[in-house]
Amino acid sequence: MTAFVIFWAILGVATLALALYRKFVTMHEDDYVHLSAGEERLIPQQLATFKRIGAIDRWGVTMTIVTVVLGLALAALYLYQIVLRQY
């Protein structure tokens, strides 16, 4: 069971690292929509940043769900083992 807990902890740290990476990407994000003729060169950069944040968000949601489900499964398994030892 220790190996599963270590895997779960590593998965949790990876999820937190992804959240930190998203924070760093959004720090450099331009919050204004550039539509005028002089700002055309900024549009591709905004689109690329938007796509990168979207990909990070998809992975973040997936990793968060997997981390929570695995943590709940480990907790249930641990409680099940405790109950078996008592009887």
N, C-alpha and C. Protein backbone atom coordinates (compact mmCIF):
# COMPACT_ATOMS: atom_id res chain seq x y z
N MET A 1 0.82 -1.19 0.00
CA MET A 1 0.00 0.00 0.00
C MET A 1 0.87 1.26 0.00
N THR A 2 2.07 1.15 0.50
CA THR A 2 2.97 2.30 0.55
C THR A 2 3.30 2.80 -0.85
N ALA A 3 3.46 1.90 -1.79
CA ALA A 3 3.76 2.31 -3.16
C ALA A 3 2.62 3.13 -3.75
N PHE A 4 1.39 2.76 -3.45
CA PHE A 4 0.24 3.51 -3.95
C PHE A 4 0.17 4.91 -3.33
N VAL A 5 0.50 5.00 -2.06
CA VAL A 5 0.50 6.30 -1.39
C VAL A 5 1.59 7.19 -1.96
N ILE A 6 2.75 6.61 -2.23
CA ILE A 6 3.84 7.39 -2.83
C ILE A 6 3.44 7.86 -4.22
N PHE A 7 2.82 6.98 -5.01
CA PHE A 7 2.35 7.38 -6.34
C PHE A 7 1.33 8.49 -6.24
N TRP A 8 0.41 8.38 -5.27
CA TRP A 8 -0.62 9.41 -5.08
C TRP A 8 0.02 10.74 -4.69
N ALA A 9 1.02 10.70 -3.84
CA ALA A 9 1.71 11.93 -3.43
C ALA A 9 2.44 12.57 -4.61
N ILE A 10 3.08 11.76 -5.42
CA ILE A 10 3.77 12.28 -6.61
C ILE A 10 2.76 12.89 -7.57
N LEU A 11 1.63 12.23 -7.74
CA LEU A 11 0.58 12.76 -8.61
C LEU A 11 0.05 14.10 -8.07
N GLY A 12 -0.10 14.20 -6.76
CA GLY A 12 -0.54 15.45 -6.16
C GLY A 12 0.46 16.56 -6.36
N VAL A 13 1.74 16.26 -6.20
CA VAL A 13 2.79 17.27 -6.42
C VAL A 13 2.82 17.69 -7.88
N ALA A 14 2.64 16.74 -8.79
CA ALA A 14 2.61 17.07 -10.22
C ALA A 14 1.42 17.97 -10.55
N THR A 15 0.28 17.72 -9.90
CA THR A 15 -0.89 18.57 -10.11
C THR A 15 -0.64 19.98 -9.60
N LEU A 16 -0.01 20.09 -8.44
CA LEU A 16 0.33 21.41 -7.92
C LEU A 16 1.36 22.12 -8.80
N ALA A 17 2.32 21.37 -9.34
CA ALA A 17 3.31 21.95 -10.24
C ALA A 17 2.65 22.47 -11.51
N LEU A 18 1.66 21.75 -12.01
CA LEU A 18 0.93 22.20 -13.19
C LEU A 18 0.16 23.47 -12.89
N ALA A 19 -0.42 23.56 -11.71
CA ALA A 19 -1.13 24.79 -11.31
C ALA A 19 -0.16 25.96 -11.21
N LEU A 20 1.02 25.72 -10.70
CA LEU A 20 2.03 26.77 -10.60
C LEU A 20 2.49 27.19 -11.99
N TYR A 21 2.68 26.23 -12.89
CA TYR A 21 3.05 26.54 -14.28
C TYR A 21 1.97 27.39 -14.94
N ARG A 22 0.69 27.06 -14.69
CA ARG A 22 -0.40 27.86 -15.26
C ARG A 22 -0.34 29.29 -14.73
N LYS A 23 -0.02 29.43 -13.46
CA LYS A 23 0.09 30.76 -12.86
C LYS A 23 1.19 31.57 -13.55
N PHE A 24 2.33 30.94 -13.83
CA PHE A 24 3.41 31.64 -14.50
C PHE A 24 3.05 32.01 -15.94
N VAL A 25 2.32 31.14 -16.63
CA VAL A 25 1.90 31.44 -18.00
C VAL A 25 0.92 32.61 -18.01
N THR A 26 -0.01 32.62 -17.07
CA THR A 26 -1.01 33.69 -17.06
C THR A 26 -0.43 35.01 -16.55
N MET A 27 0.71 34.99 -15.88
CA MET A 27 1.34 36.24 -15.47
C MET A 27 1.78 37.05 -16.68
N HIS A 28 2.15 36.37 -17.75
CA HIS A 28 2.62 37.04 -18.96
C HIS A 28 1.51 37.24 -20.00
N GLU A 29 0.30 36.90 -19.61
CA GLU A 29 -0.83 37.02 -20.51
C GLU A 29 -1.26 38.48 -20.63
N ASP A 30 -1.62 38.87 -21.83
CA ASP A 30 -2.13 40.22 -22.07
C ASP A 30 -3.65 40.16 -21.93
N ASP A 31 -4.20 40.91 -20.98
CA ASP A 31 -5.62 40.81 -20.66
C ASP A 31 -6.53 41.60 -21.60
N TYR A 32 -5.96 42.39 -22.47
CA TYR A 32 -6.76 43.23 -23.36
C TYR A 32 -6.92 42.56 -24.72
N VAL A 33 -8.10 42.70 -25.31
CA VAL A 33 -8.36 42.17 -26.65
C VAL A 33 -7.90 43.23 -27.65
N HIS A 34 -6.99 42.86 -28.52
CA HIS A 34 -6.44 43.79 -29.49
C HIS A 34 -7.16 43.63 -30.82
N LEU A 35 -7.89 44.66 -31.21
CA LEU A 35 -8.68 44.60 -32.43
C LEU A 35 -8.33 45.68 -33.44
N SER A 36 -7.64 46.71 -33.03
CA SER A 36 -7.36 47.82 -33.95
C SER A 36 -6.26 47.43 -34.94
N ALA A 37 -6.13 48.22 -35.98
CA ALA A 37 -5.20 47.91 -37.06
C ALA A 37 -3.75 47.90 -36.58
N GLY A 38 -3.39 48.73 -35.64
CA GLY A 38 -2.01 48.79 -35.17
C GLY A 38 -1.63 47.64 -34.25
N GLU A 39 -2.61 46.91 -33.78
CA GLU A 39 -2.35 45.85 -32.83
C GLU A 39 -2.48 44.45 -33.44
N GLU A 40 -2.48 44.36 -34.75
CA GLU A 40 -2.67 43.06 -35.42
C GLU A 40 -1.57 42.07 -35.10
N ARG A 41 -0.38 42.55 -34.84
CA ARG A 41 0.75 41.65 -34.57
C ARG A 41 0.60 40.95 -33.22
N LEU A 42 -0.23 41.49 -32.33
CA LEU A 42 -0.40 40.90 -31.01
C LEU A 42 -1.45 39.79 -30.98
N ILE A 43 -2.29 39.73 -32.00
CA ILE A 43 -3.38 38.74 -32.02
C ILE A 43 -2.86 37.30 -32.04
N PRO A 44 -1.89 36.94 -32.90
CA PRO A 44 -1.39 35.54 -32.87
C PRO A 44 -0.78 35.15 -31.52
N GLN A 45 -0.11 36.10 -30.89
CA GLN A 45 0.48 35.81 -29.58
C GLN A 45 -0.61 35.55 -28.55
N GLN A 46 -1.68 36.32 -28.59
CA GLN A 46 -2.80 36.10 -27.67
C GLN A 46 -3.46 34.76 -27.92
N LEU A 47 -3.63 34.40 -29.18
CA LEU A 47 -4.24 33.11 -29.50
C LEU A 47 -3.38 31.95 -29.02
N ALA A 48 -2.07 32.07 -29.19
CA ALA A 48 -1.16 31.01 -28.74
C ALA A 48 -1.21 30.86 -27.22
N THR A 49 -1.24 31.97 -26.52
CA THR A 49 -1.32 31.93 -25.06
C THR A 49 -2.65 31.33 -24.62
N PHE A 50 -3.73 31.71 -25.30
CA PHE A 50 -5.05 31.17 -24.98
C PHE A 50 -5.09 29.66 -25.18
N LYS A 51 -4.50 29.17 -26.26
CA LYS A 51 -4.48 27.73 -26.52
C LYS A 51 -3.63 27.00 -25.48
N ARG A 52 -2.51 27.61 -25.09
CA ARG A 52 -1.64 26.98 -24.09
C ARG A 52 -2.37 26.88 -22.74
N ILE A 53 -3.05 27.96 -22.35
CA ILE A 53 -3.79 27.94 -21.08
C ILE A 53 -4.93 26.93 -21.14
N GLY A 54 -5.59 26.81 -22.30
CA GLY A 54 -6.66 25.83 -22.45
C GLY A 54 -6.15 24.40 -22.29
N ALA A 55 -4.98 24.12 -22.87
CA ALA A 55 -4.40 22.78 -22.73
C ALA A 55 -3.99 22.51 -21.29
N ILE A 56 -3.42 23.50 -20.64
CA ILE A 56 -3.03 23.34 -19.24
C ILE A 56 -4.26 23.09 -18.38
N ASP A 57 -5.34 23.81 -18.66
CA ASP A 57 -6.57 23.63 -17.89
C ASP A 57 -7.16 22.24 -18.07
N ARG A 58 -7.14 21.72 -19.30
CA ARG A 58 -7.66 20.36 -19.52
C ARG A 58 -6.85 19.34 -18.73
N TRP A 59 -5.53 19.44 -18.79
CA TRP A 59 -4.69 18.52 -18.03
C TRP A 59 -4.88 18.72 -16.53
N GLY A 60 -5.03 19.96 -16.12
CA GLY A 60 -5.22 20.24 -14.70
C GLY A 60 -6.49 19.64 -14.15
N VAL A 61 -7.58 19.77 -14.88
CA VAL A 61 -8.85 19.19 -14.44
C VAL A 61 -8.74 17.67 -14.38
N THR A 62 -8.15 17.08 -15.40
CA THR A 62 -8.00 15.62 -15.45
C THR A 62 -7.14 15.12 -14.29
N MET A 63 -6.00 15.78 -14.08
CA MET A 63 -5.11 15.36 -13.01
C MET A 63 -5.73 15.56 -11.63
N THR A 64 -6.50 16.63 -11.47
CA THR A 64 -7.15 16.88 -10.19
C THR A 64 -8.18 15.79 -9.90
N ILE A 65 -8.98 15.45 -10.90
CA ILE A 65 -9.99 14.40 -10.71
C ILE A 65 -9.33 13.06 -10.39
N VAL A 66 -8.28 12.71 -11.11
CA VAL A 66 -7.58 11.45 -10.86
C VAL A 66 -6.97 11.45 -9.47
N THR A 67 -6.38 12.56 -9.06
CA THR A 67 -5.76 12.65 -7.74
C THR A 67 -6.80 12.48 -6.63
N VAL A 68 -7.93 13.15 -6.77
CA VAL A 68 -8.98 13.06 -5.75
C VAL A 68 -9.58 11.66 -5.71
N VAL A 69 -9.88 11.07 -6.86
CA VAL A 69 -10.47 9.73 -6.89
C VAL A 69 -9.49 8.71 -6.32
N LEU A 70 -8.22 8.82 -6.69
CA LEU A 70 -7.22 7.89 -6.15
C LEU A 70 -7.06 8.08 -4.64
N GLY A 71 -7.09 9.30 -4.17
CA GLY A 71 -6.99 9.56 -2.74
C GLY A 71 -8.17 8.98 -1.99
N LEU A 72 -9.37 9.14 -2.53
CA LEU A 72 -10.56 8.55 -1.89
C LEU A 72 -10.51 7.03 -1.90
N ALA A 73 -10.02 6.46 -2.99
CA ALA A 73 -9.90 5.00 -3.06
C ALA A 73 -8.88 4.49 -2.05
N LEU A 74 -7.76 5.21 -1.90
CA LEU A 74 -6.77 4.80 -0.91
C LEU A 74 -7.32 4.91 0.51
N ALA A 75 -8.08 5.97 0.78
CA ALA A 75 -8.69 6.13 2.10
C ALA A 75 -9.69 5.02 2.37
N ALA A 76 -10.50 4.67 1.38
CA ALA A 76 -11.47 3.58 1.54
C ALA A 76 -10.75 2.25 1.77
N LEU A 77 -9.68 2.01 1.03
CA LEU A 77 -8.92 0.78 1.21
C LEU A 77 -8.29 0.72 2.60
N TYR A 78 -7.78 1.83 3.07
CA TYR A 78 -7.19 1.88 4.40
C TYR A 78 -8.24 1.60 5.48
N LEU A 79 -9.40 2.23 5.36
CA LEU A 79 -10.47 2.00 6.32
C LEU A 79 -10.96 0.55 6.26
N TYR A 80 -11.02 -0.01 5.06
CA TYR A 80 -11.43 -1.41 4.90
C TYR A 80 -10.45 -2.35 5.61
N GLN A 81 -9.16 -2.05 5.48
CA GLN A 81 -8.15 -2.87 6.16
C GLN A 81 -8.28 -2.77 7.68
N ILE A 82 -8.59 -1.59 8.17
CA ILE A 82 -8.78 -1.41 9.62
C ILE A 82 -9.98 -2.22 10.10
N VAL A 83 -11.05 -2.19 9.36
CA VAL A 83 -12.25 -2.95 9.73
C VAL A 83 -11.96 -4.44 9.71
N LEU A 84 -11.22 -4.92 8.73
CA LEU A 84 -10.90 -6.35 8.65
C LEU A 84 -10.04 -6.80 9.83
N ARG A 85 -9.15 -5.95 10.29
CA ARG A 85 -8.28 -6.31 11.41
C ARG A 85 -9.05 -6.41 12.73
N GLN A 86 -10.13 -5.68 12.83
CA GLN A 86 -10.91 -5.69 14.06
C GLN A 86 -11.78 -6.95 14.17
N TYR A 87 -12.10 -7.54 13.08
CA TYR A 87 -13.00 -8.71 13.11
C TYR A 87 -12.29 -9.96 12.80
